[in-house]
Amino acid sequence: MKKVMIIGFAGAGKSTLAEQLSKIIGCQAIHMDSLHWLPNWIENTPEEERKMLEPVLKKDKWVIDGNYSKVLYNKRMDMADTIIFLDFNRFLCLYRAVKRYFMYKGKTRPDMGIGCDEKLDFEFLSWILYKGRKRKMRAKKLNKLKQLKTEHPEKDIYILKNPKQVKEFLKRRINI
């Protein structure tokens, strides 16, 4: 496990898992949110994000969390030796996002773009509960992972459904 891509739903814990795995692997975690969001929640362009991500992909080791399908998504999948999909239910993700809001209220999370103080607005709540988890999107991700595993059996692909499975996954990695 040297090149890890973590995808999943908002609030599932992608960034937390990325930080944990980066310590195990011995590299810095790259959070797509920190590339995407400029100060005051202004969106960066996919072109600029690609420019920042390209050098990371050339490294021997990396852990990248975040979906961002317009930013070298297929290239990240192709290059990763390990892909983890955090397929958590929407209510757990909502709970975690609310908890995170109170933990970082008035501050910028370490995995977020500089100057983006934690917020929890209607748009984000809607994304967590509905817009960001349409059945077609989830099915598309699962089909892509299945296809990738068929075409590249050497890749380790994990679909983790709850925190207990993440904990077991990490436990196995630490004991290797």
N, C-alpha and C. Protein backbone atom coordinates (compact mmCIF):
# COMPACT_ATOMS: atom_id res chain seq x y z
N MET A 1 0.85 -1.17 0.00
CA MET A 1 0.00 0.00 0.00
C MET A 1 0.90 1.24 0.00
N LYS A 2 1.00 1.85 -1.19
CA LYS A 2 1.85 3.04 -1.32
C LYS A 2 1.10 4.23 -1.92
N LYS A 3 0.10 3.94 -2.73
CA LYS A 3 -0.67 5.01 -3.38
C LYS A 3 -2.15 4.73 -3.12
N VAL A 4 -2.74 5.56 -2.26
CA VAL A 4 -4.08 5.30 -1.76
C VAL A 4 -5.04 6.42 -2.16
N MET A 5 -6.17 6.03 -2.72
CA MET A 5 -7.24 6.96 -3.06
C MET A 5 -8.44 6.64 -2.18
N ILE A 6 -8.93 7.65 -1.46
CA ILE A 6 -10.08 7.46 -0.58
C ILE A 6 -11.23 8.31 -1.12
N ILE A 7 -12.33 7.65 -1.42
CA ILE A 7 -13.52 8.33 -1.90
C ILE A 7 -14.69 8.00 -0.97
N GLY A 8 -15.77 8.72 -1.13
CA GLY A 8 -16.93 8.43 -0.30
C GLY A 8 -17.79 9.65 -0.11
N PHE A 9 -18.78 9.50 0.73
CA PHE A 9 -19.76 10.54 0.95
C PHE A 9 -19.26 11.60 1.92
N ALA A 10 -19.80 12.81 1.79
CA ALA A 10 -19.46 13.91 2.70
C ALA A 10 -19.80 13.50 4.13
N GLY A 11 -18.85 13.70 5.02
CA GLY A 11 -19.06 13.37 6.42
C GLY A 11 -18.72 11.94 6.79
N ALA A 12 -18.27 11.14 5.84
CA ALA A 12 -17.97 9.73 6.13
C ALA A 12 -16.65 9.54 6.87
N GLY A 13 -15.75 10.51 6.77
CA GLY A 13 -14.46 10.38 7.46
C GLY A 13 -13.29 10.15 6.53
N LYS A 14 -13.40 10.60 5.29
CA LYS A 14 -12.32 10.42 4.32
C LYS A 14 -11.02 11.07 4.78
N SER A 15 -11.11 12.29 5.24
CA SER A 15 -9.90 13.03 5.65
C SER A 15 -9.26 12.42 6.89
N THR A 16 -10.08 11.99 7.83
CA THR A 16 -9.56 11.35 9.04
C THR A 16 -8.83 10.07 8.67
N LEU A 17 -9.43 9.26 7.82
CA LEU A 17 -8.78 8.02 7.39
C LEU A 17 -7.50 8.33 6.62
N ALA A 18 -7.52 9.36 5.79
CA ALA A 18 -6.32 9.74 5.03
C ALA A 18 -5.17 10.09 5.98
N GLU A 19 -5.48 10.83 7.02
CA GLU A 19 -4.43 11.20 7.99
C GLU A 19 -3.87 9.95 8.68
N GLN A 20 -4.75 9.04 9.06
CA GLN A 20 -4.30 7.81 9.73
C GLN A 20 -3.43 6.97 8.79
N LEU A 21 -3.86 6.80 7.56
CA LEU A 21 -3.08 5.99 6.61
C LEU A 21 -1.77 6.66 6.22
N SER A 22 -1.77 7.98 6.12
CA SER A 22 -0.53 8.67 5.74
C SER A 22 0.55 8.45 6.80
N LYS A 23 0.15 8.36 8.06
CA LYS A 23 1.12 8.09 9.13
C LYS A 23 1.67 6.67 9.00
N ILE A 24 0.82 5.72 8.65
CA ILE A 24 1.25 4.33 8.48
C ILE A 24 2.19 4.19 7.29
N ILE A 25 1.85 4.86 6.20
CA ILE A 25 2.63 4.75 4.96
C ILE A 25 3.89 5.61 5.01
N GLY A 26 3.82 6.73 5.71
CA GLY A 26 4.98 7.62 5.79
C GLY A 26 4.98 8.69 4.72
N CYS A 27 3.84 9.35 4.55
CA CYS A 27 3.74 10.44 3.59
C CYS A 27 2.71 11.44 4.09
N GLN A 28 2.60 12.56 3.40
CA GLN A 28 1.62 13.58 3.78
C GLN A 28 0.29 13.28 3.08
N ALA A 29 -0.80 13.39 3.81
CA ALA A 29 -2.12 13.23 3.22
C ALA A 29 -2.46 14.46 2.39
N ILE A 30 -3.06 14.23 1.24
CA ILE A 30 -3.52 15.32 0.38
C ILE A 30 -5.04 15.30 0.40
N HIS A 31 -5.62 16.43 0.78
CA HIS A 31 -7.07 16.55 0.87
C HIS A 31 -7.56 17.38 -0.31
N MET A 32 -8.39 16.78 -1.14
CA MET A 32 -8.91 17.48 -2.31
C MET A 32 -9.66 18.75 -1.92
N ASP A 33 -10.32 18.73 -0.77
CA ASP A 33 -11.01 19.95 -0.30
C ASP A 33 -10.04 21.12 -0.18
N SER A 34 -8.82 20.85 0.29
CA SER A 34 -7.86 21.94 0.48
C SER A 34 -7.35 22.48 -0.85
N LEU A 35 -7.42 21.67 -1.91
CA LEU A 35 -7.05 22.16 -3.24
C LEU A 35 -8.21 22.90 -3.89
N HIS A 36 -9.41 22.48 -3.57
CA HIS A 36 -10.61 23.02 -4.22
C HIS A 36 -11.06 24.36 -3.64
N TRP A 37 -10.95 24.53 -2.32
CA TRP A 37 -11.51 25.72 -1.69
C TRP A 37 -10.45 26.77 -1.41
N LEU A 38 -10.65 27.95 -1.98
CA LEU A 38 -9.83 29.11 -1.71
C LEU A 38 -10.45 29.86 -0.52
N PRO A 39 -9.74 30.84 0.06
CA PRO A 39 -10.30 31.57 1.21
C PRO A 39 -11.73 32.06 0.97
N ASN A 40 -12.50 32.02 2.05
CA ASN A 40 -13.90 32.46 2.05
C ASN A 40 -14.79 31.61 1.14
N TRP A 41 -14.46 30.33 1.03
CA TRP A 41 -15.29 29.36 0.30
C TRP A 41 -15.44 29.69 -1.19
N ILE A 42 -14.38 30.21 -1.78
CA ILE A 42 -14.38 30.47 -3.22
C ILE A 42 -13.81 29.22 -3.88
N GLU A 43 -14.49 28.75 -4.92
CA GLU A 43 -14.04 27.52 -5.59
C GLU A 43 -12.86 27.79 -6.51
N ASN A 44 -11.88 26.94 -6.43
CA ASN A 44 -10.75 26.97 -7.34
C ASN A 44 -11.20 26.38 -8.67
N THR A 45 -10.41 26.55 -9.70
CA THR A 45 -10.75 25.96 -10.99
C THR A 45 -10.18 24.55 -11.06
N PRO A 46 -10.85 23.66 -11.79
CA PRO A 46 -10.28 22.31 -11.97
C PRO A 46 -8.88 22.35 -12.58
N GLU A 47 -8.60 23.31 -13.44
CA GLU A 47 -7.28 23.42 -14.06
C GLU A 47 -6.21 23.69 -13.00
N GLU A 48 -6.49 24.63 -12.09
CA GLU A 48 -5.52 24.94 -11.02
C GLU A 48 -5.35 23.74 -10.08
N GLU A 49 -6.45 23.07 -9.79
CA GLU A 49 -6.38 21.90 -8.92
C GLU A 49 -5.52 20.82 -9.56
N ARG A 50 -5.68 20.61 -10.85
CA ARG A 50 -4.86 19.62 -11.57
C ARG A 50 -3.38 19.97 -11.48
N LYS A 51 -3.07 21.27 -11.66
CA LYS A 51 -1.67 21.71 -11.58
C LYS A 51 -1.07 21.40 -10.21
N MET A 52 -1.87 21.55 -9.16
CA MET A 52 -1.36 21.27 -7.80
C MET A 52 -1.26 19.77 -7.54
N LEU A 53 -2.12 18.99 -8.17
CA LEU A 53 -2.17 17.55 -7.89
C LEU A 53 -1.16 16.75 -8.72
N GLU A 54 -0.85 17.20 -9.91
CA GLU A 54 0.08 16.47 -10.80
C GLU A 54 1.39 16.10 -10.11
N PRO A 55 2.08 17.03 -9.42
CA PRO A 55 3.34 16.66 -8.77
C PRO A 55 3.17 15.60 -7.67
N VAL A 56 2.04 15.62 -7.00
CA VAL A 56 1.77 14.63 -5.96
C VAL A 56 1.70 13.24 -6.57
N LEU A 57 1.03 13.13 -7.71
CA LEU A 57 0.86 11.82 -8.35
C LEU A 57 2.18 11.22 -8.85
N LYS A 58 3.19 12.04 -8.99
CA LYS A 58 4.51 11.57 -9.44
C LYS A 58 5.34 10.99 -8.30
N LYS A 59 4.88 11.20 -7.07
CA LYS A 59 5.63 10.71 -5.90
C LYS A 59 5.47 9.20 -5.75
N ASP A 60 6.41 8.59 -5.01
CA ASP A 60 6.38 7.15 -4.76
C ASP A 60 5.24 6.75 -3.83
N LYS A 61 4.86 7.65 -2.92
CA LYS A 61 3.81 7.36 -1.95
C LYS A 61 2.86 8.54 -1.87
N TRP A 62 1.59 8.25 -1.79
CA TRP A 62 0.60 9.29 -1.53
C TRP A 62 -0.70 8.70 -1.01
N VAL A 63 -1.40 9.55 -0.27
CA VAL A 63 -2.76 9.25 0.18
C VAL A 63 -3.57 10.48 -0.17
N ILE A 64 -4.58 10.30 -1.01
CA ILE A 64 -5.41 11.42 -1.46
C ILE A 64 -6.86 11.11 -1.12
N ASP A 65 -7.49 12.05 -0.41
CA ASP A 65 -8.90 11.84 -0.11
C ASP A 65 -9.76 12.87 -0.81
N GLY A 66 -10.91 12.42 -1.26
CA GLY A 66 -11.88 13.31 -1.91
C GLY A 66 -12.27 12.78 -3.26
N ASN A 67 -13.47 13.10 -3.66
CA ASN A 67 -14.00 12.62 -4.93
C ASN A 67 -13.55 13.49 -6.09
N TYR A 68 -14.10 14.67 -6.26
CA TYR A 68 -13.73 15.63 -7.28
C TYR A 68 -13.45 14.98 -8.64
N SER A 69 -14.50 14.54 -9.27
CA SER A 69 -14.38 13.78 -10.52
C SER A 69 -13.77 14.56 -11.67
N LYS A 70 -13.75 15.88 -11.59
CA LYS A 70 -13.17 16.69 -12.67
C LYS A 70 -11.67 16.90 -12.51
N VAL A 71 -11.10 16.34 -11.44
CA VAL A 71 -9.69 16.60 -11.15
C VAL A 71 -8.91 15.29 -11.11
N LEU A 72 -8.51 14.83 -12.28
CA LEU A 72 -7.65 13.64 -12.43
C LEU A 72 -8.22 12.42 -11.70
N TYR A 73 -9.53 12.30 -11.66
CA TYR A 73 -10.20 11.21 -10.95
C TYR A 73 -9.78 9.85 -11.51
N ASN A 74 -9.93 9.67 -12.81
CA ASN A 74 -9.57 8.38 -13.42
C ASN A 74 -8.07 8.12 -13.33
N LYS A 75 -7.27 9.15 -13.46
CA LYS A 75 -5.82 8.99 -13.33
C LYS A 75 -5.45 8.55 -11.91
N ARG A 76 -6.10 9.17 -10.91
CA ARG A 76 -5.86 8.76 -9.51
C ARG A 76 -6.24 7.29 -9.33
N MET A 77 -7.38 6.91 -9.89
CA MET A 77 -7.82 5.50 -9.77
C MET A 77 -6.84 4.56 -10.45
N ASP A 78 -6.40 4.95 -11.63
CA ASP A 78 -5.46 4.10 -12.38
C ASP A 78 -4.12 3.95 -11.65
N MET A 79 -3.66 5.03 -11.05
CA MET A 79 -2.34 5.01 -10.40
C MET A 79 -2.37 4.42 -8.99
N ALA A 80 -3.52 4.47 -8.34
CA ALA A 80 -3.62 3.97 -6.96
C ALA A 80 -3.45 2.46 -6.91
N ASP A 81 -2.73 1.99 -5.90
CA ASP A 81 -2.68 0.54 -5.68
C ASP A 81 -3.77 0.11 -4.70
N THR A 82 -4.30 1.11 -3.98
CA THR A 82 -5.37 0.86 -3.00
C THR A 82 -6.44 1.93 -3.16
N ILE A 83 -7.69 1.49 -3.28
CA ILE A 83 -8.82 2.42 -3.37
C ILE A 83 -9.81 2.03 -2.28
N ILE A 84 -10.22 3.03 -1.52
CA ILE A 84 -11.16 2.81 -0.42
C ILE A 84 -12.38 3.68 -0.65
N PHE A 85 -13.55 3.05 -0.66
CA PHE A 85 -14.82 3.76 -0.80
C PHE A 85 -15.54 3.69 0.54
N LEU A 86 -15.72 4.83 1.19
CA LEU A 86 -16.46 4.89 2.45
C LEU A 86 -17.94 5.05 2.10
N ASP A 87 -18.63 3.95 2.11
CA ASP A 87 -20.03 3.86 1.68
C ASP A 87 -20.95 3.87 2.91
N PHE A 88 -20.88 4.95 3.67
CA PHE A 88 -21.63 5.06 4.93
C PHE A 88 -23.04 5.59 4.68
N ASN A 89 -23.94 5.27 5.59
CA ASN A 89 -25.32 5.75 5.42
C ASN A 89 -25.41 7.25 5.71
N ARG A 90 -26.39 7.88 5.09
CA ARG A 90 -26.53 9.33 5.11
C ARG A 90 -26.71 9.91 6.52
N PHE A 91 -27.36 9.17 7.40
CA PHE A 91 -27.62 9.72 8.73
C PHE A 91 -26.38 9.70 9.60
N LEU A 92 -25.53 8.70 9.42
CA LEU A 92 -24.24 8.70 10.11
C LEU A 92 -23.38 9.86 9.58
N CYS A 93 -23.39 10.06 8.28
CA CYS A 93 -22.62 11.16 7.69
C CYS A 93 -23.13 12.51 8.19
N LEU A 94 -24.45 12.65 8.30
CA LEU A 94 -25.03 13.89 8.82
C LEU A 94 -24.59 14.11 10.27
N TYR A 95 -24.69 13.07 11.08
CA TYR A 95 -24.27 13.16 12.48
C TYR A 95 -22.82 13.61 12.58
N ARG A 96 -21.96 13.01 11.77
CA ARG A 96 -20.54 13.34 11.81
C ARG A 96 -20.27 14.77 11.36
N ALA A 97 -21.01 15.23 10.35
CA ALA A 97 -20.84 16.60 9.86
C ALA A 97 -21.28 17.61 10.92
N VAL A 98 -22.36 17.33 11.61
CA VAL A 98 -22.84 18.23 12.67
C VAL A 98 -21.83 18.24 13.81
N LYS A 99 -21.35 17.08 14.19
CA LYS A 99 -20.34 16.97 15.25
C LYS A 99 -19.07 17.75 14.86
N ARG A 100 -18.66 17.60 13.63
CA ARG A 100 -17.47 18.30 13.12
C ARG A 100 -17.70 19.82 13.14
N TYR A 101 -18.91 20.24 12.80
CA TYR A 101 -19.23 21.67 12.82
C TYR A 101 -18.99 22.26 14.22
N PHE A 102 -19.49 21.59 15.23
CA PHE A 102 -19.32 22.11 16.59
C PHE A 102 -17.87 22.01 17.05
N MET A 103 -17.16 21.04 16.56
CA MET A 103 -15.75 20.88 16.93
C MET A 103 -14.89 22.01 16.33
N TYR A 104 -15.22 22.43 15.11
CA TYR A 104 -14.39 23.41 14.40
C TYR A 104 -15.10 24.75 14.18
N LYS A 105 -16.23 24.98 14.78
CA LYS A 105 -17.00 26.21 14.59
C LYS A 105 -16.09 27.44 14.77
N GLY A 106 -16.10 28.32 13.75
CA GLY A 106 -15.28 29.53 13.80
C GLY A 106 -13.83 29.31 13.46
N LYS A 107 -13.46 28.06 13.09
CA LYS A 107 -12.07 27.74 12.74
C LYS A 107 -12.05 27.00 11.40
N THR A 108 -10.88 26.92 10.82
CA THR A 108 -10.69 26.15 9.60
C THR A 108 -10.10 24.79 9.97
N ARG A 109 -10.75 23.71 9.49
CA ARG A 109 -10.23 22.36 9.74
C ARG A 109 -8.85 22.20 9.07
N PRO A 110 -8.03 21.32 9.61
CA PRO A 110 -6.71 21.10 9.02
C PRO A 110 -6.77 20.56 7.58
N ASP A 111 -7.86 19.88 7.21
CA ASP A 111 -7.96 19.29 5.88
C ASP A 111 -8.70 20.18 4.89
N MET A 112 -8.99 21.41 5.27
CA MET A 112 -9.77 22.31 4.44
C MET A 112 -8.88 23.44 3.92
N GLY A 113 -9.35 24.12 2.89
CA GLY A 113 -8.63 25.26 2.35
C GLY A 113 -8.48 26.36 3.40
N ILE A 114 -7.38 27.06 3.35
CA ILE A 114 -7.09 28.14 4.29
C ILE A 114 -8.19 29.20 4.18
N GLY A 115 -8.66 29.68 5.33
CA GLY A 115 -9.66 30.74 5.33
C GLY A 115 -11.07 30.26 5.08
N CYS A 116 -11.31 28.97 5.22
CA CYS A 116 -12.66 28.42 5.06
C CYS A 116 -13.12 27.92 6.42
N ASP A 117 -13.65 28.83 7.20
CA ASP A 117 -14.13 28.45 8.52
C ASP A 117 -15.28 27.45 8.39
N GLU A 118 -15.31 26.52 9.31
CA GLU A 118 -16.32 25.45 9.28
C GLU A 118 -17.72 26.06 9.21
N LYS A 119 -18.54 25.49 8.33
CA LYS A 119 -19.92 25.95 8.23
C LYS A 119 -20.84 24.75 8.01
N LEU A 120 -22.08 24.98 8.32
CA LEU A 120 -23.08 23.94 8.13
C LEU A 120 -24.35 24.67 7.67
N ASP A 121 -24.50 24.77 6.36
CA ASP A 121 -25.64 25.49 5.81
C ASP A 121 -26.58 24.53 5.09
N PHE A 122 -27.69 25.07 4.62
CA PHE A 122 -28.71 24.25 3.96
C PHE A 122 -28.12 23.51 2.75
N GLU A 123 -27.31 24.20 1.98
CA GLU A 123 -26.71 23.60 0.78
C GLU A 123 -25.88 22.36 1.14
N PHE A 124 -25.08 22.46 2.18
CA PHE A 124 -24.25 21.34 2.58
C PHE A 124 -25.09 20.20 3.17
N LEU A 125 -26.06 20.56 4.00
CA LEU A 125 -26.95 19.53 4.55
C LEU A 125 -27.67 18.79 3.44
N SER A 126 -28.13 19.53 2.44
CA SER A 126 -28.80 18.93 1.29
C SER A 126 -27.85 18.01 0.53
N TRP A 127 -26.59 18.41 0.43
CA TRP A 127 -25.58 17.60 -0.26
C TRP A 127 -25.37 16.27 0.50
N ILE A 128 -25.25 16.36 1.82
CA ILE A 128 -25.03 15.17 2.64
C ILE A 128 -26.21 14.20 2.53
N LEU A 129 -27.41 14.73 2.61
CA LEU A 129 -28.59 13.88 2.67
C LEU A 129 -29.11 13.42 1.31
N TYR A 130 -28.95 14.25 0.26
CA TYR A 130 -29.59 13.90 -1.01
C TYR A 130 -28.70 14.09 -2.23
N LYS A 131 -28.32 15.32 -2.51
CA LYS A 131 -27.64 15.63 -3.78
C LYS A 131 -26.32 14.89 -3.96
N GLY A 132 -25.59 14.73 -2.89
CA GLY A 132 -24.27 14.10 -2.98
C GLY A 132 -24.29 12.58 -2.93
N ARG A 133 -25.48 11.99 -2.94
CA ARG A 133 -25.56 10.53 -2.84
C ARG A 133 -26.70 9.96 -3.67
N LYS A 134 -26.82 10.49 -4.84
CA LYS A 134 -27.84 9.96 -5.76
C LYS A 134 -27.50 8.51 -6.09
N ARG A 135 -28.54 7.71 -6.25
CA ARG A 135 -28.34 6.28 -6.53
C ARG A 135 -27.46 6.04 -7.75
N LYS A 136 -27.68 6.83 -8.79
CA LYS A 136 -26.89 6.66 -10.01
C LYS A 136 -25.41 6.90 -9.74
N MET A 137 -25.11 7.92 -8.93
CA MET A 137 -23.71 8.22 -8.62
C MET A 137 -23.08 7.08 -7.84
N ARG A 138 -23.78 6.58 -6.85
CA ARG A 138 -23.26 5.48 -6.03
C ARG A 138 -23.08 4.24 -6.90
N ALA A 139 -24.10 3.92 -7.70
CA ALA A 139 -24.02 2.75 -8.59
C ALA A 139 -22.86 2.89 -9.56
N LYS A 140 -22.67 4.09 -10.07
CA LYS A 140 -21.57 4.34 -11.02
C LYS A 140 -20.22 4.09 -10.34
N LYS A 141 -20.07 4.58 -9.10
CA LYS A 141 -18.82 4.35 -8.35
C LYS A 141 -18.59 2.85 -8.13
N LEU A 142 -19.63 2.17 -7.67
CA LEU A 142 -19.49 0.73 -7.40
C LEU A 142 -19.18 -0.05 -8.67
N ASN A 143 -19.82 0.30 -9.77
CA ASN A 143 -19.54 -0.38 -11.05
C ASN A 143 -18.12 -0.12 -11.51
N LYS A 144 -17.67 1.12 -11.35
CA LYS A 144 -16.30 1.46 -11.74
C LYS A 144 -15.29 0.66 -10.91
N LEU A 145 -15.55 0.54 -9.61
CA LEU A 145 -14.64 -0.22 -8.75
C LEU A 145 -14.64 -1.70 -9.12
N LYS A 146 -15.82 -2.23 -9.42
CA LYS A 146 -15.92 -3.63 -9.84
C LYS A 146 -15.16 -3.87 -11.15
N GLN A 147 -15.33 -2.96 -12.08
CA GLN A 147 -14.63 -3.06 -13.37
C GLN A 147 -13.12 -2.96 -13.17
N LEU A 148 -12.72 -2.03 -12.34
CA LEU A 148 -11.29 -1.84 -12.06
C LEU A 148 -10.68 -3.09 -11.45
N LYS A 149 -11.41 -3.71 -10.52
CA LYS A 149 -10.92 -4.93 -9.86
C LYS A 149 -10.79 -6.08 -10.87
N THR A 150 -11.73 -6.15 -11.81
CA THR A 150 -11.68 -7.18 -12.85
C THR A 150 -10.49 -6.97 -13.77
N GLU A 151 -10.29 -5.71 -14.18
CA GLU A 151 -9.20 -5.39 -15.11
C GLU A 151 -7.84 -5.35 -14.43
N HIS A 152 -7.82 -5.06 -13.13
CA HIS A 152 -6.56 -4.93 -12.39
C HIS A 152 -6.67 -5.67 -11.06
N PRO A 153 -6.62 -6.99 -11.09
CA PRO A 153 -6.77 -7.76 -9.84
C PRO A 153 -5.69 -7.47 -8.80
N GLU A 154 -4.60 -6.85 -9.22
CA GLU A 154 -3.53 -6.52 -8.28
C GLU A 154 -3.89 -5.34 -7.37
N LYS A 155 -4.90 -4.58 -7.75
CA LYS A 155 -5.33 -3.45 -6.92
C LYS A 155 -6.13 -3.94 -5.72
N ASP A 156 -5.90 -3.29 -4.59
CA ASP A 156 -6.69 -3.57 -3.40
C ASP A 156 -7.83 -2.56 -3.36
N ILE A 157 -9.05 -3.07 -3.42
CA ILE A 157 -10.23 -2.21 -3.41
C ILE A 157 -11.09 -2.61 -2.23
N TYR A 158 -11.42 -1.60 -1.42
CA TYR A 158 -12.21 -1.84 -0.21
C TYR A 158 -13.45 -0.96 -0.24
N ILE A 159 -14.57 -1.56 0.06
CA ILE A 159 -15.82 -0.82 0.23
C ILE A 159 -16.20 -1.00 1.69
N LEU A 160 -16.00 0.06 2.45
CA LEU A 160 -16.22 0.01 3.90
C LEU A 160 -17.55 0.70 4.21
N LYS A 161 -18.40 0.01 4.93
CA LYS A 161 -19.78 0.47 5.15
C LYS A 161 -20.03 1.14 6.48
N ASN A 162 -19.09 1.05 7.42
CA ASN A 162 -19.32 1.64 8.73
C ASN A 162 -17.99 1.83 9.46
N PRO A 163 -18.02 2.60 10.54
CA PRO A 163 -16.77 2.86 11.29
C PRO A 163 -16.09 1.59 11.82
N LYS A 164 -16.87 0.58 12.16
CA LYS A 164 -16.29 -0.67 12.65
C LYS A 164 -15.41 -1.31 11.57
N GLN A 165 -15.87 -1.30 10.33
CA GLN A 165 -15.07 -1.86 9.24
C GLN A 165 -13.80 -1.04 9.01
N VAL A 166 -13.89 0.28 9.17
CA VAL A 166 -12.70 1.13 9.03
C VAL A 166 -11.70 0.79 10.13
N LYS A 167 -12.19 0.63 11.33
CA LYS A 167 -11.33 0.30 12.46
C LYS A 167 -10.62 -1.04 12.22
N GLU A 168 -11.35 -2.04 11.75
CA GLU A 168 -10.76 -3.35 11.45
C GLU A 168 -9.73 -3.24 10.32
N PHE A 169 -10.04 -2.45 9.31
CA PHE A 169 -9.13 -2.22 8.20
C PHE A 169 -7.81 -1.63 8.72
N LEU A 170 -7.91 -0.61 9.56
CA LEU A 170 -6.71 0.04 10.11
C LEU A 170 -5.93 -0.91 11.01
N LYS A 171 -6.64 -1.68 11.78
CA LYS A 171 -6.01 -2.65 12.69
C LYS A 171 -5.14 -3.63 11.89
N ARG A 172 -5.67 -4.10 10.77
CA ARG A 172 -4.90 -5.03 9.91
C ARG A 172 -3.68 -4.33 9.32
N ARG A 173 -3.77 -3.06 8.98
CA ARG A 173 -2.67 -2.33 8.38
C ARG A 173 -1.55 -2.12 9.39
N ILE A 174 -1.91 -1.83 10.63
CA ILE A 174 -0.91 -1.56 11.66
C ILE A 174 -0.18 -2.85 12.03
N ASN A 175 -0.85 -3.97 11.97
CA ASN A 175 -0.24 -5.25 12.36
C ASN A 175 0.53 -5.94 11.23
N ILE A 176 0.61 -5.30 10.08
CA ILE A 176 1.33 -5.93 8.96
C ILE A 176 2.80 -5.99 9.25
